[in-house]
Amino acid sequence: MELLSSGLTTLITFALGAAVGSFLNVVIYRIPAGLSLLFPPSRCPHCLRRLKSYDNVPVFGWLALKGRCRYCRSPIALRYPLVEAVTGALFVLVYWAFNLSLPTLGYWAFFSWLLALSLIDLDTMTLPNSLTQSGLMAGLLYQAIVGVFSFSVVGGTSGGLSGAAGHLLEGILGAVVGIWVFDAITILGSIAFGQTAMGGGDAKLMAMIGAWLGWKLVLLSGFLACAIGAFAGGGAIAIGLMNRRQPMPFGPFLAFAAVLTAFFGETILSAYMRVFFPTL
């Protein structure tokens, strides 16, 4: 019975995430195009016919239609169900890691922002201010809410307003440190490569990540993003997929590093301190 309940919870969580992923597909397409997120309702981009509600069922709607519009039979991009499936998988992983808690709800929102920004950056080489700024404000709000409900084992009291202020300050400091770190990366990268290394949107994304994760974890996230980006970029150059002067979107690496840090950041930092500062 417990196994059945766990499986049902996982299925519901995946379905919720996939539904959010369906909305993210709208965000990814419409925000760069300057279109409304609400109007017109979902429709085929080829024949412009409005989609039925059962055609919009995440993942399964695409499978039922065999990847083609019901009306004009034009192909529907595979990326739509993939985004829905990836979002659903992220929701499940977060739930497994944090159970039903404030971090779970927060990271569901945080990862959704990161996924949308990553794919927009891949498509357009831009990170829209509307998403980075709203994501930063949502991160600060999340910090304040966590602070209100934080619990002190020593004092035996909930955080309240003082807890909210402390966590909010942590988020603000994280955003500031994120910008400083990225400015340093940009300056060093520009000197090393003789051209602008990063865009302004990347710095805003780093600030957003700092607001959600705090100053310690945003430092780790920045380091991981640079390491992953350097490895991926070097590999792409080595096999001829891109040249040294070709611009590469850095937002997806920042987002991926932020997800890794959210899951494993504290463990990585603890291991680092044990190895390099065992006496502290």
C-alpha atoms as a PDB file:
ATOM      1  CA  MET A   1       0.000   0.000   0.000  1.00  0.00           C
ATOM      2  CA  GLU A   2       2.835   2.395   0.861  1.00  0.00           C
ATOM      3  CA  LEU A   3       4.540   1.643  -2.467  1.00  0.00           C
ATOM      4  CA  LEU A   4       1.271   2.295  -4.311  1.00  0.00           C
ATOM      5  CA  SER A   5       0.797   5.595  -2.485  1.00  0.00           C
ATOM      6  CA  SER A   6       4.365   6.639  -3.276  1.00  0.00           C
ATOM      7  CA  GLY A   7       3.890   5.787  -6.954  1.00  0.00           C
ATOM      8  CA  LEU A   8       0.630   7.734  -7.119  1.00  0.00           C
ATOM      9  CA  THR A   9       2.278  10.764  -5.494  1.00  0.00           C
ATOM     10  CA  THR A  10       5.137  10.597  -7.991  1.00  0.00           C
ATOM     11  CA  LEU A  11       2.676  10.371 -10.890  1.00  0.00           C
ATOM     12  CA  ILE A  12       0.681  13.360  -9.626  1.00  0.00           C
ATOM     13  CA  THR A  13       3.884  15.351  -9.138  1.00  0.00           C
ATOM     14  CA  PHE A  14       5.049  14.518 -12.654  1.00  0.00           C
ATOM     15  CA  ALA A  15       1.655  15.500 -14.087  1.00  0.00           C
ATOM     16  CA  LEU A  16       1.806  18.827 -12.235  1.00  0.00           C
ATOM     17  CA  GLY A  17       5.304  19.481 -13.541  1.00  0.00           C
ATOM     18  CA  ALA A  18       4.334  18.527 -17.092  1.00  0.00           C
ATOM     19  CA  ALA A  19       1.391  20.947 -16.931  1.00  0.00           C
ATOM     20  CA  VAL A  20       3.779  23.706 -15.828  1.00  0.00           C
ATOM     21  CA  GLY A  21       6.086  22.645 -18.675  1.00  0.00           C
ATOM     22  CA  SER A  22       3.202  23.131 -21.117  1.00  0.00           C
ATOM     23  CA  PHE A  23       2.889  26.730 -19.908  1.00  0.00           C
ATOM     24  CA  LEU A  24       6.661  27.163 -20.146  1.00  0.00           C
ATOM     25  CA  ASN A  25       6.441  26.279 -23.838  1.00  0.00           C
ATOM     26  CA  VAL A  26       4.123  29.268 -24.221  1.00  0.00           C
ATOM     27  CA  VAL A  27       6.505  31.496 -22.261  1.00  0.00           C
ATOM     28  CA  ILE A  28       9.530  30.365 -24.299  1.00  0.00           C
ATOM     29  CA  TYR A  29       7.808  31.094 -27.607  1.00  0.00           C
ATOM     30  CA  ARG A  30       5.795  34.221 -26.823  1.00  0.00           C
ATOM     31  CA  ILE A  31       7.970  36.381 -24.569  1.00  0.00           C
ATOM     32  CA  PRO A  32      10.835  36.813 -27.097  1.00  0.00           C
ATOM     33  CA  ALA A  33       8.197  37.522 -29.769  1.00  0.00           C
ATOM     34  CA  GLY A  34       6.544  40.185 -27.589  1.00  0.00           C
ATOM     35  CA  LEU A  35       3.216  38.335 -27.546  1.00  0.00           C
ATOM     36  CA  SER A  36       0.660  38.000 -24.768  1.00  0.00           C
ATOM     37  CA  LEU A  37       0.929  34.872 -22.646  1.00  0.00           C
ATOM     38  CA  LEU A  38      -2.855  34.589 -22.398  1.00  0.00           C
ATOM     39  CA  PHE A  39      -4.250  35.631 -25.774  1.00  0.00           C
ATOM     40  CA  PRO A  40      -4.785  34.114 -28.205  1.00  0.00           C
ATOM     41  CA  PRO A  41      -5.293  30.644 -26.680  1.00  0.00           C
ATOM     42  CA  SER A  42      -3.035  27.788 -27.784  1.00  0.00           C
ATOM     43  CA  ARG A  43      -3.208  27.227 -31.540  1.00  0.00           C
ATOM     44  CA  CYS A  44      -1.324  25.571 -34.356  1.00  0.00           C
ATOM     45  CA  PRO A  45       1.446  27.914 -35.554  1.00  0.00           C
ATOM     46  CA  HIS A  46       0.845  26.756 -39.146  1.00  0.00           C
ATOM     47  CA  CYS A  47      -2.920  26.775 -39.724  1.00  0.00           C
ATOM     48  CA  LEU A  48      -3.721  28.935 -36.633  1.00  0.00           C
ATOM     49  CA  ARG A  49      -6.606  26.647 -35.613  1.00  0.00           C
ATOM     50  CA  ARG A  50      -7.304  26.712 -31.878  1.00  0.00           C
ATOM     51  CA  LEU A  51      -6.279  23.488 -30.188  1.00  0.00           C
ATOM     52  CA  LYS A  52      -8.810  21.395 -28.294  1.00  0.00           C
ATOM     53  CA  SER A  53      -8.290  20.877 -24.575  1.00  0.00           C
ATOM     54  CA  TYR A  54      -7.569  17.171 -25.083  1.00  0.00           C
ATOM     55  CA  ASP A  55      -4.887  18.033 -27.649  1.00  0.00           C
ATOM     56  CA  ASN A  56      -3.158  20.111 -24.989  1.00  0.00           C
ATOM     57  CA  VAL A  57      -2.688  17.272 -22.497  1.00  0.00           C
ATOM     58  CA  PRO A  58       1.046  17.431 -21.682  1.00  0.00           C
ATOM     59  CA  VAL A  59       3.202  14.778 -23.401  1.00  0.00           C
ATOM     60  CA  PHE A  60       0.284  12.435 -24.104  1.00  0.00           C
ATOM     61  CA  GLY A  61      -1.497  14.923 -26.365  1.00  0.00           C
ATOM     62  CA  TRP A  62       1.548  15.026 -28.638  1.00  0.00           C
ATOM     63  CA  LEU A  63       1.818  11.231 -28.587  1.00  0.00           C
ATOM     64  CA  ALA A  64      -1.885  10.800 -29.393  1.00  0.00           C
ATOM     65  CA  LEU A  65      -1.553  13.131 -32.377  1.00  0.00           C
ATOM     66  CA  LYS A  66       1.653  11.359 -33.446  1.00  0.00           C
ATOM     67  CA  GLY A  67       3.434  14.686 -33.485  1.00  0.00           C
ATOM     68  CA  ARG A  68       1.162  16.337 -36.062  1.00  0.00           C
ATOM     69  CA  CYS A  69      -1.568  18.962 -36.012  1.00  0.00           C
ATOM     70  CA  ARG A  70      -5.047  17.417 -35.960  1.00  0.00           C
ATOM     71  CA  TYR A  71      -6.246  19.817 -38.675  1.00  0.00           C
ATOM     72  CA  CYS A  72      -3.442  20.583 -41.140  1.00  0.00           C
ATOM     73  CA  ARG A  73      -1.176  17.611 -40.293  1.00  0.00           C
ATOM     74  CA  SER A  74       1.844  19.901 -39.997  1.00  0.00           C
ATOM     75  CA  PRO A  75       4.561  18.491 -37.706  1.00  0.00           C
ATOM     76  CA  ILE A  76       4.589  19.616 -34.071  1.00  0.00           C
ATOM     77  CA  ALA A  77       8.140  20.083 -32.775  1.00  0.00           C
ATOM     78  CA  LEU A  78       9.400  17.303 -30.515  1.00  0.00           C
ATOM     79  CA  ARG A  79      10.692  19.965 -28.137  1.00  0.00           C
ATOM     80  CA  TYR A  80       7.194  20.662 -26.806  1.00  0.00           C
ATOM     81  CA  PRO A  81       6.674  17.262 -25.142  1.00  0.00           C
ATOM     82  CA  LEU A  82      10.363  17.158 -24.159  1.00  0.00           C
ATOM     83  CA  VAL A  83      10.045  20.423 -22.217  1.00  0.00           C
ATOM     84  CA  GLU A  84       6.926  19.068 -20.521  1.00  0.00           C
ATOM     85  CA  ALA A  85       8.640  15.781 -19.655  1.00  0.00           C
ATOM     86  CA  VAL A  86      11.803  17.479 -18.370  1.00  0.00           C
ATOM     87  CA  THR A  87       9.766  19.834 -16.191  1.00  0.00           C
ATOM     88  CA  GLY A  88       7.801  16.897 -14.826  1.00  0.00           C
ATOM     89  CA  ALA A  89      11.026  15.022 -14.067  1.00  0.00           C
ATOM     90  CA  LEU A  90      12.480  18.064 -12.288  1.00  0.00           C
ATOM     91  CA  PHE A  91       9.362  18.353 -10.143  1.00  0.00           C
ATOM     92  CA  VAL A  92       9.667  14.680  -9.176  1.00  0.00           C
ATOM     93  CA  LEU A  93      13.375  14.989  -8.329  1.00  0.00           C
ATOM     94  CA  VAL A  94      12.727  18.039  -6.158  1.00  0.00           C
ATOM     95  CA  TYR A  95       9.897  16.251  -4.366  1.00  0.00           C
ATOM     96  CA  TRP A  96      12.066  13.194  -3.749  1.00  0.00           C
ATOM     97  CA  ALA A  97      14.850  15.390  -2.368  1.00  0.00           C
ATOM     98  CA  PHE A  98      12.813  17.729  -0.141  1.00  0.00           C
ATOM     99  CA  ASN A  99       9.410  16.017   0.283  1.00  0.00           C
ATOM    100  CA  LEU A 100       6.461  18.402   0.543  1.00  0.00           C
ATOM    101  CA  SER A 101       8.042  21.511   2.022  1.00  0.00           C
ATOM    102  CA  LEU A 102       8.719  25.169   1.337  1.00  0.00           C
ATOM    103  CA  PRO A 103      11.982  24.346  -0.501  1.00  0.00           C
ATOM    104  CA  THR A 104      10.017  21.985  -2.747  1.00  0.00           C
ATOM    105  CA  LEU A 105       7.496  24.657  -3.709  1.00  0.00           C
ATOM    106  CA  GLY A 106      10.257  27.236  -4.072  1.00  0.00           C
ATOM    107  CA  TYR A 107      12.514  25.086  -6.231  1.00  0.00           C
ATOM    108  CA  TRP A 108       9.625  24.075  -8.450  1.00  0.00           C
ATOM    109  CA  ALA A 109       9.195  27.760  -9.275  1.00  0.00           C
ATOM    110  CA  PHE A 110      12.954  28.450  -9.439  1.00  0.00           C
ATOM    111  CA  PHE A 111      13.699  25.580 -11.810  1.00  0.00           C
ATOM    112  CA  SER A 112      10.769  26.567 -14.033  1.00  0.00           C
ATOM    113  CA  TRP A 113      12.242  30.060 -14.406  1.00  0.00           C
ATOM    114  CA  LEU A 114      15.671  28.575 -15.154  1.00  0.00           C
ATOM    115  CA  LEU A 115      14.336  26.189 -17.798  1.00  0.00           C
ATOM    116  CA  ALA A 116      12.429  28.933 -19.610  1.00  0.00           C
ATOM    117  CA  LEU A 117      15.420  31.274 -19.558  1.00  0.00           C
ATOM    118  CA  SER A 118      17.794  28.536 -20.756  1.00  0.00           C
ATOM    119  CA  LEU A 119      15.734  27.673 -23.815  1.00  0.00           C
ATOM    120  CA  ILE A 120      15.093  31.315 -24.698  1.00  0.00           C
ATOM    121  CA  ASP A 121      18.851  31.917 -24.492  1.00  0.00           C
ATOM    122  CA  LEU A 122      19.482  28.940 -26.774  1.00  0.00           C
ATOM    123  CA  ASP A 123      16.905  30.218 -29.272  1.00  0.00           C
ATOM    124  CA  THR A 124      17.669  33.942 -29.268  1.00  0.00           C
ATOM    125  CA  MET A 125      20.957  34.500 -27.389  1.00  0.00           C
ATOM    126  CA  THR A 126      19.018  36.776 -25.036  1.00  0.00           C
ATOM    127  CA  LEU A 127      17.756  36.583 -21.467  1.00  0.00           C
ATOM    128  CA  PRO A 128      14.597  38.735 -21.234  1.00  0.00           C
ATOM    129  CA  ASN A 129      14.562  41.290 -18.418  1.00  0.00           C
ATOM    130  CA  SER A 130      10.944  40.435 -17.698  1.00  0.00           C
ATOM    131  CA  LEU A 131      11.975  36.925 -16.657  1.00  0.00           C
ATOM    132  CA  THR A 132      15.282  37.645 -14.886  1.00  0.00           C
ATOM    133  CA  GLN A 133      13.791  40.539 -12.916  1.00  0.00           C
ATOM    134  CA  SER A 134      10.586  38.725 -11.964  1.00  0.00           C
ATOM    135  CA  GLY A 135      12.671  35.683 -11.056  1.00  0.00           C
ATOM    136  CA  LEU A 136      14.873  37.806  -8.799  1.00  0.00           C
ATOM    137  CA  MET A 137      11.850  39.309  -7.033  1.00  0.00           C
ATOM    138  CA  ALA A 138      10.326  35.846  -6.638  1.00  0.00           C
ATOM    139  CA  GLY A 139      13.600  34.643  -5.122  1.00  0.00           C
ATOM    140  CA  LEU A 140      13.597  37.447  -2.557  1.00  0.00           C
ATOM    141  CA  LEU A 141       9.952  36.729  -1.729  1.00  0.00           C
ATOM    142  CA  TYR A 142      10.828  33.058  -1.299  1.00  0.00           C
ATOM    143  CA  GLN A 143      13.644  33.970   1.091  1.00  0.00           C
ATOM    144  CA  ALA A 144      11.298  36.118   3.163  1.00  0.00           C
ATOM    145  CA  ILE A 145       8.658  33.382   3.375  1.00  0.00           C
ATOM    146  CA  VAL A 146      11.251  30.768   4.371  1.00  0.00           C
ATOM    147  CA  GLY A 147      12.495  33.188   7.016  1.00  0.00           C
ATOM    148  CA  VAL A 148       9.023  33.661   8.479  1.00  0.00           C
ATOM    149  CA  PHE A 149       8.599  29.912   8.909  1.00  0.00           C
ATOM    150  CA  SER A 150      12.185  29.102   9.869  1.00  0.00           C
ATOM    151  CA  PHE A 151      12.615  27.360  13.221  1.00  0.00           C
ATOM    152  CA  SER A 152      15.404  27.814  15.743  1.00  0.00           C
ATOM    153  CA  VAL A 153      16.310  24.600  17.548  1.00  0.00           C
ATOM    154  CA  VAL A 154      18.163  26.559  20.229  1.00  0.00           C
ATOM    155  CA  GLY A 155      15.510  29.160  20.894  1.00  0.00           C
ATOM    156  CA  GLY A 156      12.563  26.965  20.046  1.00  0.00           C
ATOM    157  CA  THR A 157      10.811  29.822  18.253  1.00  0.00           C
ATOM    158  CA  SER A 158       9.753  30.434  14.680  1.00  0.00           C
ATOM    159  CA  GLY A 159      11.520  33.013  12.573  1.00  0.00           C
ATOM    160  CA  GLY A 160       8.727  35.559  12.258  1.00  0.00           C
ATOM    161  CA  LEU A 161       9.648  39.034  11.054  1.00  0.00           C
ATOM    162  CA  SER A 162      13.236  38.758  12.279  1.00  0.00           C
ATOM    163  CA  GLY A 163      13.661  35.498  10.403  1.00  0.00           C
ATOM    164  CA  ALA A 164      12.146  37.036   7.282  1.00  0.00           C
ATOM    165  CA  ALA A 165      14.529  39.999   7.509  1.00  0.00           C
ATOM    166  CA  GLY A 166      17.542  37.719   7.948  1.00  0.00           C
ATOM    167  CA  HIS A 167      16.667  35.507   4.996  1.00  0.00           C
ATOM    168  CA  LEU A 168      15.748  38.497   2.845  1.00  0.00           C
ATOM    169  CA  LEU A 169      19.152  40.014   3.583  1.00  0.00           C
ATOM    170  CA  GLU A 170      20.744  36.703   2.570  1.00  0.00           C
ATOM    171  CA  GLY A 171      18.885  36.839  -0.739  1.00  0.00           C
ATOM    172  CA  ILE A 172      19.865  40.456  -1.404  1.00  0.00           C
ATOM    173  CA  LEU A 173      23.490  39.709  -0.548  1.00  0.00           C
ATOM    174  CA  GLY A 174      23.369  36.678  -2.844  1.00  0.00           C
ATOM    175  CA  ALA A 175      22.092  38.833  -5.712  1.00  0.00           C
ATOM    176  CA  VAL A 176      24.816  41.437  -5.164  1.00  0.00           C
ATOM    177  CA  VAL A 177      27.559  38.808  -4.903  1.00  0.00           C
ATOM    178  CA  GLY A 178      26.211  37.139  -8.038  1.00  0.00           C
ATOM    179  CA  ILE A 179      26.625  40.364 -10.018  1.00  0.00           C
ATOM    180  CA  TRP A 180      30.108  41.011  -8.589  1.00  0.00           C
ATOM    181  CA  VAL A 181      31.293  37.501  -9.392  1.00  0.00           C
ATOM    182  CA  PHE A 182      29.925  37.667 -12.890  1.00  0.00           C
ATOM    183  CA  ASP A 183      31.464  41.076 -13.501  1.00  0.00           C
ATOM    184  CA  ALA A 184      34.822  39.584 -12.484  1.00  0.00           C
ATOM    185  CA  ILE A 185      34.304  36.618 -14.815  1.00  0.00           C
ATOM    186  CA  THR A 186      33.363  38.978 -17.657  1.00  0.00           C
ATOM    187  CA  ILE A 187      36.453  41.179 -17.184  1.00  0.00           C
ATOM    188  CA  LEU A 188      38.842  38.229 -16.978  1.00  0.00           C
ATOM    189  CA  GLY A 189      37.173  36.501 -19.923  1.00  0.00           C
ATOM    190  CA  SER A 190      37.344  39.645 -22.061  1.00  0.00           C
ATOM    191  CA  ILE A 191      41.054  40.022 -21.290  1.00  0.00           C
ATOM    192  CA  ALA A 192      41.719  36.357 -22.051  1.00  0.00           C
ATOM    193  CA  PHE A 193      39.757  36.185 -25.318  1.00  0.00           C
ATOM    194  CA  GLY A 194      40.156  39.765 -26.547  1.00  0.00           C
ATOM    195  CA  GLN A 195      36.390  40.248 -26.948  1.00  0.00           C
ATOM    196  CA  THR A 196      33.273  40.623 -24.826  1.00  0.00           C
ATOM    197  CA  ALA A 197      32.942  37.333 -22.990  1.00  0.00           C
ATOM    198  CA  MET A 198      29.468  37.602 -21.447  1.00  0.00           C
ATOM    199  CA  GLY A 199      26.251  39.521 -21.974  1.00  0.00           C
ATOM    200  CA  GLY A 200      24.414  41.771 -19.553  1.00  0.00           C
ATOM    201  CA  GLY A 201      21.569  39.276 -19.289  1.00  0.00           C
ATOM    202  CA  ASP A 202      23.924  36.671 -17.854  1.00  0.00           C
ATOM    203  CA  ALA A 203      24.797  38.981 -14.950  1.00  0.00           C
ATOM    204  CA  LYS A 204      21.095  39.517 -14.239  1.00  0.00           C
ATOM    205  CA  LEU A 205      20.536  35.765 -14.310  1.00  0.00           C
ATOM    206  CA  MET A 206      23.409  35.347 -11.866  1.00  0.00           C
ATOM    207  CA  ALA A 207      21.792  37.916  -9.570  1.00  0.00           C
ATOM    208  CA  MET A 208      18.512  36.010  -9.800  1.00  0.00           C
ATOM    209  CA  ILE A 209      20.267  32.768  -8.879  1.00  0.00           C
ATOM    210  CA  GLY A 210      21.911  34.514  -5.927  1.00  0.00           C
ATOM    211  CA  ALA A 211      18.542  35.731  -4.673  1.00  0.00           C
ATOM    212  CA  TRP A 212      17.279  32.141  -4.563  1.00  0.00           C
ATOM    213  CA  LEU A 213      20.405  30.364  -3.297  1.00  0.00           C
ATOM    214  CA  GLY A 214      22.226  32.950  -1.144  1.00  0.00           C
ATOM    215  CA  TRP A 215      25.780  34.226  -1.404  1.00  0.00           C
ATOM    216  CA  LYS A 216      27.639  31.019  -0.535  1.00  0.00           C
ATOM    217  CA  LEU A 217      25.836  28.815  -3.018  1.00  0.00           C
ATOM    218  CA  VAL A 218      25.877  31.428  -5.799  1.00  0.00           C
ATOM    219  CA  LEU A 219      29.679  31.430  -5.580  1.00  0.00           C
ATOM    220  CA  LEU A 220      29.699  27.665  -6.016  1.00  0.00           C
ATOM    221  CA  SER A 221      27.123  27.917  -8.797  1.00  0.00           C
ATOM    222  CA  GLY A 222      29.283  30.430 -10.684  1.00  0.00           C
ATOM    223  CA  PHE A 223      32.338  28.209 -10.389  1.00  0.00           C
ATOM    224  CA  LEU A 224      30.438  25.144 -11.624  1.00  0.00           C
ATOM    225  CA  ALA A 225      28.924  27.086 -14.530  1.00  0.00           C
ATOM    226  CA  CYS A 226      32.359  28.257 -15.681  1.00  0.00           C
ATOM    227  CA  ALA A 227      33.802  24.750 -15.376  1.00  0.00           C
ATOM    228  CA  ILE A 228      30.907  23.122 -17.245  1.00  0.00           C
ATOM    229  CA  GLY A 229      30.851  25.877 -19.882  1.00  0.00           C
ATOM    230  CA  ALA A 230      34.603  25.661 -20.465  1.00  0.00           C
ATOM    231  CA  PHE A 231      34.434  21.880 -20.811  1.00  0.00           C
ATOM    232  CA  ALA A 232      31.440  21.991 -23.176  1.00  0.00           C
ATOM    233  CA  GLY A 233      32.845  24.862 -25.232  1.00  0.00           C
ATOM    234  CA  GLY A 234      36.278  23.272 -25.481  1.00  0.00           C
ATOM    235  CA  GLY A 235      34.731  19.997 -26.548  1.00  0.00           C
ATOM    236  CA  ALA A 236      32.554  21.699 -29.185  1.00  0.00           C
ATOM    237  CA  ILE A 237      35.611  23.492 -30.607  1.00  0.00           C
ATOM    238  CA  ALA A 238      37.685  20.304 -30.573  1.00  0.00           C
ATOM    239  CA  ILE A 239      35.153  18.348 -32.625  1.00  0.00           C
ATOM    240  CA  GLY A 240      34.460  21.247 -34.992  1.00  0.00           C
ATOM    241  CA  LEU A 241      30.925  22.170 -33.909  1.00  0.00           C
ATOM    242  CA  MET A 242      31.940  25.795 -33.319  1.00  0.00           C
ATOM    243  CA  ASN A 243      34.959  28.078 -33.653  1.00  0.00           C
ATOM    244  CA  ARG A 244      36.749  30.103 -31.007  1.00  0.00           C
ATOM    245  CA  ARG A 245      35.099  33.386 -31.997  1.00  0.00           C
ATOM    246  CA  GLN A 246      31.581  31.996 -32.211  1.00  0.00           C
ATOM    247  CA  PRO A 247      29.282  33.260 -29.434  1.00  0.00           C
ATOM    248  CA  MET A 248      27.829  30.628 -27.149  1.00  0.00           C
ATOM    249  CA  PRO A 249      24.818  31.118 -24.855  1.00  0.00           C
ATOM    250  CA  PHE A 250      25.987  30.904 -21.237  1.00  0.00           C
ATOM    251  CA  GLY A 251      22.549  30.988 -19.613  1.00  0.00           C
ATOM    252  CA  PRO A 252      21.974  27.217 -19.888  1.00  0.00           C
ATOM    253  CA  PHE A 253      25.275  26.542 -18.082  1.00  0.00           C
ATOM    254  CA  LEU A 254      24.349  28.968 -15.304  1.00  0.00           C
ATOM    255  CA  ALA A 255      20.934  27.328 -15.000  1.00  0.00           C
ATOM    256  CA  PHE A 256      22.332  23.787 -14.958  1.00  0.00           C
ATOM    257  CA  ALA A 257      24.925  24.764 -12.347  1.00  0.00           C
ATOM    258  CA  ALA A 258      22.199  26.373 -10.219  1.00  0.00           C
ATOM    259  CA  VAL A 259      20.135  23.169 -10.306  1.00  0.00           C
ATOM    260  CA  LEU A 260      23.164  21.085  -9.295  1.00  0.00           C
ATOM    261  CA  THR A 261      23.931  23.531  -6.504  1.00  0.00           C
ATOM    262  CA  ALA A 262      20.364  23.471  -5.212  1.00  0.00           C
ATOM    263  CA  PHE A 263      20.552  19.687  -4.885  1.00  0.00           C
ATOM    264  CA  PHE A 264      24.186  19.128  -3.878  1.00  0.00           C
ATOM    265  CA  GLY A 265      25.604  22.539  -2.926  1.00  0.00           C
ATOM    266  CA  GLU A 266      25.679  22.069   0.828  1.00  0.00           C
ATOM    267  CA  THR A 267      27.242  18.619   0.450  1.00  0.00           C
ATOM    268  CA  ILE A 268      29.928  19.959  -1.893  1.00  0.00           C
ATOM    269  CA  LEU A 269      30.747  22.875   0.421  1.00  0.00           C
ATOM    270  CA  SER A 270      30.941  20.582   3.466  1.00  0.00           C
ATOM    271  CA  ALA A 271      33.285  18.210   1.629  1.00  0.00           C
ATOM    272  CA  TYR A 272      35.434  21.158   0.515  1.00  0.00           C
ATOM    273  CA  MET A 273      35.728  22.463   4.067  1.00  0.00           C
ATOM    274  CA  ARG A 274      36.639  19.016   5.425  1.00  0.00           C
ATOM    275  CA  VAL A 275      39.404  18.564   2.850  1.00  0.00           C
ATOM    276  CA  PHE A 276      40.963  22.035   2.841  1.00  0.00           C
ATOM    277  CA  PHE A 277      40.060  23.363   6.287  1.00  0.00           C
ATOM    278  CA  PRO A 278      39.805  20.290   8.540  1.00  0.00           C
ATOM    279  CA  THR A 279      40.560  22.208  11.744  1.00  0.00           C
ATOM    280  CA  LEU A 280      37.684  24.701  11.384  1.00  0.00           C
END
